[in-house]
């Protein structure tokens, strides 16, 4: 089943599903989502490299245990059209928040969420 999603092995698929389930629980229990960090990390993916995510030592600085890790998981698990619709809603949500709260800039918000500066390029790359 993992190969059907373009994922290397079942263990990687399992980690994607686990991270999504954990973030779903954060939402379901009314916890703060935007700055949440999971105790489960997703594996390094081709998207981490293609997006040019900075490394701190051998580890990627973002997209492993933060909200962006859930976005990466969705990129692998959703069809292209579904993910593009999700991304459009996410961009609208982020932009709406930024226009309603001038106390935080886009850079600080994206950093708190674990999003790299070039995160919107996620749909440019084939998986």
C-alpha atoms as a PDB file:
ATOM      1  CA  UNK A   1       0.000   0.000   0.000  1.00  0.00           C
ATOM      2  CA  UNK A   2       2.885   2.429   0.729  1.00  0.00           C
ATOM      3  CA  UNK A   3       4.073   2.232  -2.883  1.00  0.00           C
ATOM      4  CA  UNK A   4       0.625   3.281  -4.067  1.00  0.00           C
ATOM      5  CA  UNK A   5       1.225   6.631  -2.343  1.00  0.00           C
ATOM      6  CA  UNK A   6       4.791   6.956  -3.609  1.00  0.00           C
ATOM      7  CA  UNK A   7       6.148   6.213  -0.145  1.00  0.00           C
ATOM      8  CA  UNK A   8       9.245   4.054   0.204  1.00  0.00           C
ATOM      9  CA  UNK A   9       8.036   1.547   2.767  1.00  0.00           C
ATOM     10  CA  UNK A  10       5.178   0.701   5.140  1.00  0.00           C
ATOM     11  CA  UNK A  11       7.036   2.147   8.151  1.00  0.00           C
ATOM     12  CA  UNK A  12       7.119   5.591   6.489  1.00  0.00           C
ATOM     13  CA  UNK A  13       3.408   5.358   5.661  1.00  0.00           C
ATOM     14  CA  UNK A  14       2.731   4.414   9.271  1.00  0.00           C
ATOM     15  CA  UNK A  15       4.618   7.463  10.553  1.00  0.00           C
ATOM     16  CA  UNK A  16       2.652   9.771   8.214  1.00  0.00           C
ATOM     17  CA  UNK A  17      -0.643   8.344   9.442  1.00  0.00           C
ATOM     18  CA  UNK A  18       0.479   8.512  13.073  1.00  0.00           C
ATOM     19  CA  UNK A  19       1.481  12.191  12.795  1.00  0.00           C
ATOM     20  CA  UNK A  20      -1.826  13.052  11.119  1.00  0.00           C
ATOM     21  CA  UNK A  21      -3.741  11.217  13.856  1.00  0.00           C
ATOM     22  CA  UNK A  22      -1.833  13.114  16.551  1.00  0.00           C
ATOM     23  CA  UNK A  23      -2.568  16.461  14.913  1.00  0.00           C
ATOM     24  CA  UNK A  24      -6.202  15.470  14.511  1.00  0.00           C
ATOM     25  CA  UNK A  25      -6.308  14.854  18.268  1.00  0.00           C
ATOM     26  CA  UNK A  26      -4.806  18.291  18.940  1.00  0.00           C
ATOM     27  CA  UNK A  27      -7.648  19.834  16.937  1.00  0.00           C
ATOM     28  CA  UNK A  28     -10.337  17.620  18.459  1.00  0.00           C
ATOM     29  CA  UNK A  29      -9.343  18.516  22.014  1.00  0.00           C
ATOM     30  CA  UNK A  30      -9.107  22.256  21.443  1.00  0.00           C
ATOM     31  CA  UNK A  31      -5.360  22.527  21.912  1.00  0.00           C
ATOM     32  CA  UNK A  32      -3.244  25.188  20.236  1.00  0.00           C
ATOM     33  CA  UNK A  33      -2.417  23.812  16.790  1.00  0.00           C
ATOM     34  CA  UNK A  34      -0.147  26.347  15.137  1.00  0.00           C
ATOM     35  CA  UNK A  35       2.848  25.868  17.449  1.00  0.00           C
ATOM     36  CA  UNK A  36       2.291  22.239  18.465  1.00  0.00           C
ATOM     37  CA  UNK A  37       5.174  19.778  18.229  1.00  0.00           C
ATOM     38  CA  UNK A  38       4.620  16.004  17.996  1.00  0.00           C
ATOM     39  CA  UNK A  39       6.613  13.383  19.807  1.00  0.00           C
ATOM     40  CA  UNK A  40       6.584  11.312  16.592  1.00  0.00           C
ATOM     41  CA  UNK A  41       8.553  12.498  13.582  1.00  0.00           C
ATOM     42  CA  UNK A  42       8.085  11.792   9.918  1.00  0.00           C
ATOM     43  CA  UNK A  43      11.048  10.414   7.968  1.00  0.00           C
ATOM     44  CA  UNK A  44      13.230  12.591   5.773  1.00  0.00           C
ATOM     45  CA  UNK A  45      11.505  12.893   2.405  1.00  0.00           C
ATOM     46  CA  UNK A  46      12.385  14.048  -1.074  1.00  0.00           C
ATOM     47  CA  UNK A  47      10.236  17.115  -0.359  1.00  0.00           C
ATOM     48  CA  UNK A  48      12.502  18.172   2.501  1.00  0.00           C
ATOM     49  CA  UNK A  49      15.428  18.256   0.066  1.00  0.00           C
ATOM     50  CA  UNK A  50      13.514  19.739  -2.888  1.00  0.00           C
ATOM     51  CA  UNK A  51      12.184  22.576  -0.739  1.00  0.00           C
ATOM     52  CA  UNK A  52      15.725  23.324   0.388  1.00  0.00           C
ATOM     53  CA  UNK A  53      14.850  23.029   4.057  1.00  0.00           C
ATOM     54  CA  UNK A  54      17.781  24.028   6.224  1.00  0.00           C
ATOM     55  CA  UNK A  55      19.593  21.344   8.169  1.00  0.00           C
ATOM     56  CA  UNK A  56      20.916  21.636  11.682  1.00  0.00           C
ATOM     57  CA  UNK A  57      23.594  18.986  11.726  1.00  0.00           C
ATOM     58  CA  UNK A  58      22.127  15.903  10.044  1.00  0.00           C
ATOM     59  CA  UNK A  59      18.513  16.868  10.822  1.00  0.00           C
ATOM     60  CA  UNK A  60      16.090  19.066   8.925  1.00  0.00           C
ATOM     61  CA  UNK A  61      15.197  22.185  10.906  1.00  0.00           C
ATOM     62  CA  UNK A  62      11.491  21.930  10.085  1.00  0.00           C
ATOM     63  CA  UNK A  63       8.944  19.553   8.650  1.00  0.00           C
ATOM     64  CA  UNK A  64       9.720  16.688  11.008  1.00  0.00           C
ATOM     65  CA  UNK A  65       7.590  17.137  14.184  1.00  0.00           C
ATOM     66  CA  UNK A  66       5.787  20.419  13.568  1.00  0.00           C
ATOM     67  CA  UNK A  67       2.609  21.393  11.731  1.00  0.00           C
ATOM     68  CA  UNK A  68       4.526  21.365   8.454  1.00  0.00           C
ATOM     69  CA  UNK A  69       5.192  17.636   8.961  1.00  0.00           C
ATOM     70  CA  UNK A  70       1.426  17.110   8.716  1.00  0.00           C
ATOM     71  CA  UNK A  71       1.349  19.181   5.514  1.00  0.00           C
ATOM     72  CA  UNK A  72       4.123  17.008   4.047  1.00  0.00           C
ATOM     73  CA  UNK A  73       2.214  13.855   5.042  1.00  0.00           C
ATOM     74  CA  UNK A  74      -0.907  15.184   3.341  1.00  0.00           C
ATOM     75  CA  UNK A  75       1.114  15.994   0.220  1.00  0.00           C
ATOM     76  CA  UNK A  76       1.999  12.316  -0.056  1.00  0.00           C
ATOM     77  CA  UNK A  77      -1.407  10.918   0.875  1.00  0.00           C
ATOM     78  CA  UNK A  78      -3.839  13.168  -0.995  1.00  0.00           C
ATOM     79  CA  UNK A  79      -4.424  13.284  -4.735  1.00  0.00           C
ATOM     80  CA  UNK A  80      -2.883  16.333  -6.423  1.00  0.00           C
ATOM     81  CA  UNK A  81      -6.222  18.093  -6.851  1.00  0.00           C
ATOM     82  CA  UNK A  82      -7.174  17.437  -3.222  1.00  0.00           C
ATOM     83  CA  UNK A  83      -3.854  18.728  -1.943  1.00  0.00           C
ATOM     84  CA  UNK A  84      -4.022  21.854  -4.106  1.00  0.00           C
ATOM     85  CA  UNK A  85      -7.489  22.607  -2.695  1.00  0.00           C
ATOM     86  CA  UNK A  86      -6.166  22.050   0.843  1.00  0.00           C
ATOM     87  CA  UNK A  87      -3.171  24.304   0.174  1.00  0.00           C
ATOM     88  CA  UNK A  88      -5.411  27.082  -1.184  1.00  0.00           C
ATOM     89  CA  UNK A  89      -7.513  26.960   2.001  1.00  0.00           C
ATOM     90  CA  UNK A  90      -4.385  26.939   4.156  1.00  0.00           C
ATOM     91  CA  UNK A  91      -2.938  29.970   2.339  1.00  0.00           C
ATOM     92  CA  UNK A  92      -6.260  31.786   2.791  1.00  0.00           C
ATOM     93  CA  UNK A  93      -6.302  30.903   6.498  1.00  0.00           C
ATOM     94  CA  UNK A  94      -2.714  32.079   7.082  1.00  0.00           C
ATOM     95  CA  UNK A  95      -3.280  35.294   5.124  1.00  0.00           C
ATOM     96  CA  UNK A  96      -6.525  35.943   6.988  1.00  0.00           C
ATOM     97  CA  UNK A  97      -4.799  35.548  10.330  1.00  0.00           C
ATOM     98  CA  UNK A  98      -1.924  37.808   9.320  1.00  0.00           C
ATOM     99  CA  UNK A  99      -4.308  40.553   8.201  1.00  0.00           C
ATOM    100  CA  UNK A 100      -6.273  40.347  11.470  1.00  0.00           C
ATOM    101  CA  UNK A 101      -3.289  40.380  13.851  1.00  0.00           C
ATOM    102  CA  UNK A 102      -0.516  42.849  13.213  1.00  0.00           C
ATOM    103  CA  UNK A 103       1.458  41.736  16.280  1.00  0.00           C
ATOM    104  CA  UNK A 104       3.025  38.815  14.434  1.00  0.00           C
ATOM    105  CA  UNK A 105       4.598  38.947  11.004  1.00  0.00           C
ATOM    106  CA  UNK A 106       4.495  36.212   8.402  1.00  0.00           C
ATOM    107  CA  UNK A 107       8.063  35.100   9.105  1.00  0.00           C
ATOM    108  CA  UNK A 108       7.409  34.620  12.833  1.00  0.00           C
ATOM    109  CA  UNK A 109       4.106  32.832  12.236  1.00  0.00           C
ATOM    110  CA  UNK A 110       5.591  30.435   9.684  1.00  0.00           C
ATOM    111  CA  UNK A 111       8.549  29.767  11.987  1.00  0.00           C
ATOM    112  CA  UNK A 112       6.201  28.945  14.886  1.00  0.00           C
ATOM    113  CA  UNK A 113       4.337  26.522  12.619  1.00  0.00           C
ATOM    114  CA  UNK A 114       7.556  24.933  11.370  1.00  0.00           C
ATOM    115  CA  UNK A 115       7.003  26.118   7.799  1.00  0.00           C
ATOM    116  CA  UNK A 116      10.020  26.972   5.647  1.00  0.00           C
ATOM    117  CA  UNK A 117       9.878  30.341   3.877  1.00  0.00           C
ATOM    118  CA  UNK A 118       9.337  28.640   0.499  1.00  0.00           C
ATOM    119  CA  UNK A 119       6.639  26.250   1.703  1.00  0.00           C
ATOM    120  CA  UNK A 120       4.165  27.265  -1.019  1.00  0.00           C
ATOM    121  CA  UNK A 121       6.422  25.607  -3.599  1.00  0.00           C
ATOM    122  CA  UNK A 122       5.384  22.213  -2.199  1.00  0.00           C
ATOM    123  CA  UNK A 123       3.026  21.633  -5.155  1.00  0.00           C
ATOM    124  CA  UNK A 124       5.746  22.255  -7.752  1.00  0.00           C
ATOM    125  CA  UNK A 125       7.463  18.950  -7.160  1.00  0.00           C
ATOM    126  CA  UNK A 126       6.480  15.512  -8.339  1.00  0.00           C
ATOM    127  CA  UNK A 127       6.569  12.810  -5.704  1.00  0.00           C
END
